[in-house]
Amino acid sequence: MIYWIGVLSGVGLALLVNWLKKKTTVRWYEWLIGALGLLSGIGAIQHYFGSLVENEPESAWMGFLVFFILAVVLLATSWALLRRHPQSG
C-alpha cells in the first residue's frame, strides 16, 4: 500500500516538469536548486521517521526542522527565480 506514495509523487513530479517546460524556459541552476530543495524535503521526512523508529523524538524534531527550513529556502529561491522570467504566450 505504501508504494502508492511513490507512484503519486512520481506522476506529480512528471506533470510539474512537463508544465514548466511548456510555460517557460527553466535554466539549469533553477532545476538544480529545485531538485536540492526537493531532496532536502524528502530528507527531512526520512530523518523524522527514522529517528522516531530509533526512539529519539528530540532528534527527530530538530533534524526535521533543519532539513525542512533548508528545503523551504531552496524551493522559495527556485520559485522566485522562475517568477522573474518574462511571461510568454
N, C-alpha and C. Protein backbone atom coordinates (compact mmCIF):
# COMPACT_ATOMS: atom_id res chain seq x y z
N MET A 1 0.81 -1.21 0.00
CA MET A 1 0.00 0.00 0.00
C MET A 1 0.85 1.27 0.00
N ILE A 2 2.02 1.20 0.64
CA ILE A 2 2.86 2.39 0.77
C ILE A 2 3.46 2.81 -0.58
N TYR A 3 3.56 1.89 -1.53
CA TYR A 3 4.15 2.23 -2.82
C TYR A 3 3.33 3.27 -3.57
N TRP A 4 2.06 3.46 -3.22
CA TRP A 4 1.24 4.46 -3.89
C TRP A 4 1.79 5.87 -3.66
N ILE A 5 2.45 6.09 -2.54
CA ILE A 5 3.05 7.40 -2.28
C ILE A 5 4.11 7.69 -3.33
N GLY A 6 4.94 6.70 -3.62
CA GLY A 6 5.97 6.87 -4.64
C GLY A 6 5.39 7.05 -6.03
N VAL A 7 4.37 6.29 -6.34
CA VAL A 7 3.72 6.39 -7.66
C VAL A 7 3.10 7.78 -7.83
N LEU A 8 2.34 8.22 -6.85
CA LEU A 8 1.70 9.54 -6.94
C LEU A 8 2.73 10.66 -6.96
N SER A 9 3.81 10.52 -6.19
CA SER A 9 4.87 11.53 -6.22
C SER A 9 5.53 11.60 -7.58
N GLY A 10 5.79 10.45 -8.17
CA GLY A 10 6.41 10.41 -9.49
C GLY A 10 5.53 11.02 -10.56
N VAL A 11 4.25 10.69 -10.53
CA VAL A 11 3.31 11.25 -11.50
C VAL A 11 3.21 12.76 -11.32
N GLY A 12 3.12 13.21 -10.07
CA GLY A 12 3.04 14.64 -9.80
C GLY A 12 4.28 15.39 -10.26
N LEU A 13 5.45 14.80 -10.01
CA LEU A 13 6.70 15.43 -10.44
C LEU A 13 6.80 15.48 -11.96
N ALA A 14 6.38 14.41 -12.63
CA ALA A 14 6.41 14.39 -14.10
C ALA A 14 5.47 15.44 -14.68
N LEU A 15 4.28 15.59 -14.09
CA LEU A 15 3.34 16.61 -14.56
C LEU A 15 3.89 18.02 -14.32
N LEU A 16 4.54 18.23 -13.19
CA LEU A 16 5.13 19.54 -12.89
C LEU A 16 6.23 19.88 -13.89
N VAL A 17 7.10 18.94 -14.18
CA VAL A 17 8.19 19.17 -15.13
C VAL A 17 7.63 19.46 -16.52
N ASN A 18 6.63 18.69 -16.95
CA ASN A 18 6.01 18.90 -18.25
C ASN A 18 5.36 20.29 -18.33
N TRP A 19 4.67 20.69 -17.27
CA TRP A 19 4.02 22.00 -17.25
C TRP A 19 5.05 23.12 -17.29
N LEU A 20 6.14 22.98 -16.54
CA LEU A 20 7.19 24.01 -16.53
C LEU A 20 7.85 24.14 -17.91
N LYS A 21 8.07 23.02 -18.58
CA LYS A 21 8.68 23.08 -19.91
C LYS A 21 7.78 23.78 -20.91
N LYS A 22 6.46 23.63 -20.77
CA LYS A 22 5.54 24.29 -21.69
C LYS A 22 5.40 25.77 -21.39
N LYS A 23 5.45 26.15 -20.12
CA LYS A 23 5.19 27.53 -19.72
C LYS A 23 6.38 28.46 -19.91
N THR A 24 7.56 28.01 -19.56
CA THR A 24 8.72 28.89 -19.56
C THR A 24 9.99 28.07 -19.76
N THR A 25 11.07 28.77 -20.02
CA THR A 25 12.36 28.09 -20.09
C THR A 25 12.96 28.11 -18.69
N VAL A 26 13.34 26.95 -18.23
CA VAL A 26 13.92 26.83 -16.90
C VAL A 26 15.41 26.60 -17.07
N ARG A 27 16.20 27.43 -16.44
CA ARG A 27 17.65 27.33 -16.56
C ARG A 27 18.17 26.18 -15.69
N TRP A 28 19.38 25.73 -16.00
CA TRP A 28 19.93 24.56 -15.33
C TRP A 28 20.06 24.78 -13.84
N TYR A 29 20.43 25.97 -13.40
CA TYR A 29 20.62 26.20 -11.97
C TYR A 29 19.29 26.29 -11.24
N GLU A 30 18.22 26.64 -11.93
CA GLU A 30 16.90 26.62 -11.30
C GLU A 30 16.43 25.18 -11.07
N TRP A 31 16.73 24.31 -12.05
CA TRP A 31 16.44 22.89 -11.87
C TRP A 31 17.24 22.34 -10.68
N LEU A 32 18.52 22.71 -10.61
CA LEU A 32 19.39 22.22 -9.55
C LEU A 32 18.92 22.67 -8.17
N ILE A 33 18.59 23.96 -8.04
CA ILE A 33 18.12 24.48 -6.76
C ILE A 33 16.81 23.82 -6.37
N GLY A 34 15.90 23.65 -7.32
CA GLY A 34 14.63 22.99 -7.03
C GLY A 34 14.82 21.53 -6.63
N ALA A 35 15.71 20.83 -7.33
CA ALA A 35 15.96 19.42 -7.01
C ALA A 35 16.59 19.28 -5.63
N LEU A 36 17.52 20.16 -5.29
CA LEU A 36 18.13 20.12 -3.96
C LEU A 36 17.10 20.42 -2.87
N GLY A 37 16.19 21.36 -3.16
CA GLY A 37 15.13 21.65 -2.20
C GLY A 37 14.20 20.46 -2.01
N LEU A 38 13.85 19.79 -3.10
CA LEU A 38 13.00 18.61 -3.02
C LEU A 38 13.69 17.48 -2.26
N LEU A 39 14.97 17.26 -2.54
CA LEU A 39 15.72 16.23 -1.82
C LEU A 39 15.84 16.56 -0.33
N SER A 40 16.00 17.82 -0.01
CA SER A 40 16.08 18.22 1.39
C SER A 40 14.75 17.99 2.10
N GLY A 41 13.65 18.25 1.41
CA GLY A 41 12.34 17.98 1.99
C GLY A 41 12.11 16.49 2.22
N ILE A 42 12.52 15.68 1.27
CA ILE A 42 12.42 14.23 1.43
C ILE A 42 13.33 13.77 2.56
N GLY A 43 14.52 14.36 2.65
CA GLY A 43 15.44 14.03 3.74
C GLY A 43 14.88 14.40 5.10
N ALA A 44 14.14 15.51 5.16
CA ALA A 44 13.53 15.92 6.42
C ALA A 44 12.52 14.88 6.89
N ILE A 45 11.70 14.40 5.97
CA ILE A 45 10.69 13.40 6.32
C ILE A 45 11.36 12.08 6.72
N GLN A 46 12.38 11.68 5.96
CA GLN A 46 13.08 10.45 6.27
C GLN A 46 13.77 10.54 7.63
N HIS A 47 14.41 11.65 7.92
CA HIS A 47 15.10 11.81 9.20
C HIS A 47 14.11 11.76 10.36
N TYR A 48 12.97 12.40 10.18
CA TYR A 48 11.96 12.41 11.24
C TYR A 48 11.50 10.98 11.57
N PHE A 49 11.07 10.24 10.56
CA PHE A 49 10.56 8.90 10.83
C PHE A 49 11.66 7.94 11.23
N GLY A 50 12.85 8.09 10.67
CA GLY A 50 13.97 7.23 11.07
C GLY A 50 14.37 7.45 12.52
N SER A 51 14.37 8.69 12.97
CA SER A 51 14.71 8.98 14.36
C SER A 51 13.61 8.51 15.31
N LEU A 52 12.36 8.58 14.89
CA LEU A 52 11.29 8.05 15.74
C LEU A 52 11.40 6.54 15.90
N VAL A 53 11.78 5.84 14.84
CA VAL A 53 11.97 4.40 14.92
C VAL A 53 13.09 4.08 15.91
N GLU A 54 14.13 4.91 15.93
CA GLU A 54 15.25 4.72 16.86
C GLU A 54 14.94 5.26 18.25
N ASN A 55 13.70 5.70 18.48
CA ASN A 55 13.25 6.21 19.77
C ASN A 55 14.03 7.45 20.20
N GLU A 56 14.22 8.37 19.27
CA GLU A 56 14.89 9.65 19.53
C GLU A 56 13.97 10.79 19.08
N PRO A 57 12.91 11.10 19.83
CA PRO A 57 11.95 12.11 19.38
C PRO A 57 12.52 13.52 19.30
N GLU A 58 13.44 13.89 20.20
CA GLU A 58 14.02 15.23 20.13
C GLU A 58 14.89 15.38 18.88
N SER A 59 15.68 14.37 18.60
CA SER A 59 16.49 14.38 17.38
C SER A 59 15.60 14.40 16.13
N ALA A 60 14.47 13.70 16.21
CA ALA A 60 13.56 13.67 15.07
C ALA A 60 13.07 15.07 14.74
N TRP A 61 12.63 15.80 15.76
CA TRP A 61 12.10 17.14 15.51
C TRP A 61 13.19 18.13 15.11
N MET A 62 14.33 18.06 15.73
CA MET A 62 15.40 19.01 15.40
C MET A 62 15.94 18.76 13.99
N GLY A 63 16.15 17.51 13.63
CA GLY A 63 16.62 17.19 12.28
C GLY A 63 15.59 17.57 11.23
N PHE A 64 14.33 17.28 11.54
CA PHE A 64 13.26 17.66 10.62
C PHE A 64 13.25 19.17 10.40
N LEU A 65 13.40 19.91 11.49
CA LEU A 65 13.38 21.37 11.41
C LEU A 65 14.53 21.89 10.55
N VAL A 66 15.72 21.37 10.75
CA VAL A 66 16.88 21.82 9.98
C VAL A 66 16.70 21.53 8.50
N PHE A 67 16.36 20.29 8.17
CA PHE A 67 16.21 19.92 6.77
C PHE A 67 15.01 20.62 6.12
N PHE A 68 13.94 20.79 6.87
CA PHE A 68 12.74 21.41 6.32
C PHE A 68 12.96 22.90 6.04
N ILE A 69 13.64 23.60 6.94
CA ILE A 69 13.93 25.01 6.71
C ILE A 69 14.82 25.16 5.47
N LEU A 70 15.81 24.30 5.34
CA LEU A 70 16.66 24.32 4.16
C LEU A 70 15.84 24.08 2.89
N ALA A 71 14.91 23.13 2.94
CA ALA A 71 14.06 22.84 1.78
C ALA A 71 13.20 24.04 1.42
N VAL A 72 12.63 24.68 2.42
CA VAL A 72 11.77 25.84 2.16
C VAL A 72 12.58 26.97 1.53
N VAL A 73 13.77 27.23 2.04
CA VAL A 73 14.61 28.30 1.48
C VAL A 73 14.99 27.99 0.04
N LEU A 74 15.41 26.77 -0.24
CA LEU A 74 15.81 26.41 -1.60
C LEU A 74 14.62 26.44 -2.57
N LEU A 75 13.48 25.90 -2.15
CA LEU A 75 12.32 25.91 -3.04
C LEU A 75 11.79 27.32 -3.26
N ALA A 76 11.83 28.17 -2.23
CA ALA A 76 11.40 29.56 -2.40
C ALA A 76 12.34 30.31 -3.33
N THR A 77 13.64 30.02 -3.24
CA THR A 77 14.61 30.64 -4.14
C THR A 77 14.35 30.22 -5.58
N SER A 78 14.13 28.94 -5.79
CA SER A 78 13.83 28.44 -7.13
C SER A 78 12.56 29.07 -7.68
N TRP A 79 11.52 29.16 -6.85
CA TRP A 79 10.26 29.76 -7.27
C TRP A 79 10.45 31.24 -7.61
N ALA A 80 11.21 31.96 -6.79
CA ALA A 80 11.44 33.38 -7.04
C ALA A 80 12.21 33.59 -8.35
N LEU A 81 13.17 32.73 -8.62
CA LEU A 81 13.91 32.83 -9.88
C LEU A 81 13.00 32.57 -11.07
N LEU A 82 12.10 31.61 -10.93
CA LEU A 82 11.16 31.33 -12.03
C LEU A 82 10.19 32.48 -12.25
N ARG A 83 9.79 33.14 -11.18
CA ARG A 83 8.85 34.27 -11.30
C ARG A 83 9.47 35.46 -12.00
N ARG A 84 10.79 35.57 -12.02
CA ARG A 84 11.45 36.70 -12.65
C ARG A 84 11.55 36.57 -14.18
N HIS A 85 11.22 35.39 -14.70
CA HIS A 85 11.27 35.20 -16.14
C HIS A 85 10.16 36.03 -16.80
N PRO A 86 10.42 36.53 -18.00
CA PRO A 86 9.36 37.23 -18.73
C PRO A 86 8.24 36.26 -19.08
N GLN A 87 7.01 36.75 -19.00
CA GLN A 87 5.86 35.91 -19.32
C GLN A 87 5.80 35.66 -20.83
N SER A 88 5.58 34.40 -21.18
CA SER A 88 5.49 34.05 -22.61
C SER A 88 4.05 33.63 -22.91
N GLY A 89 3.64 33.88 -24.13
CA GLY A 89 2.32 33.45 -24.56
C GLY A 89 1.39 34.54 -24.47
